[in-house]
């Protein structure tokens, strides 16, 4: 396998994170994440300010609810017309009067994990409840940003995407190498 694959995570211990302003917005986001959204409603979010975290800096990529990536205008301008957005989209959101963009990763795959080698927790009925360690099969497709049908709240990228983010000093993401 020439590409390496990484789990995208929020760097929430070093940067501020976001929360949606209304329960209606939370329900709406839950219904559209991972699906193409041609006419999104107007959304608003605000920075979470916890007592021991008020001095944390604002990142270039923040997260809503720890699993929805939201990009600053700089990252949006940078990624908009790249191959990394093929099959994915940005959804506008106001963050305290600034324009930010939800990175809606719509590209997904199914049955590309080696389920015997991955660390998986299952419900009593055998359905997957959570995947902790991701081990991909060798025949994985070569997409830059994607999620898994088996765990749609986890996003993945290739080492070329990691290099792009690091080379351009984009802050707010952690990358966990998968096997």
Foldseek 3Di string as FASTA:
>chain_A
DPWWKWWKWWPVVQAWAKEWDDPVLVVQCVVPALHDDPDDDETEIETDDDPVCNPHHHFQWHYYPGQWIKGAPVVCVVPVPDQLCVQWDWDWYAYPNGTITTTRANAEDEPQFPVVPWAFDADPVRQTPDTDATHGDPPDDQHAWYYYPSDRSIIMGIVVVVCVCVVVVGDTIDIHTHD
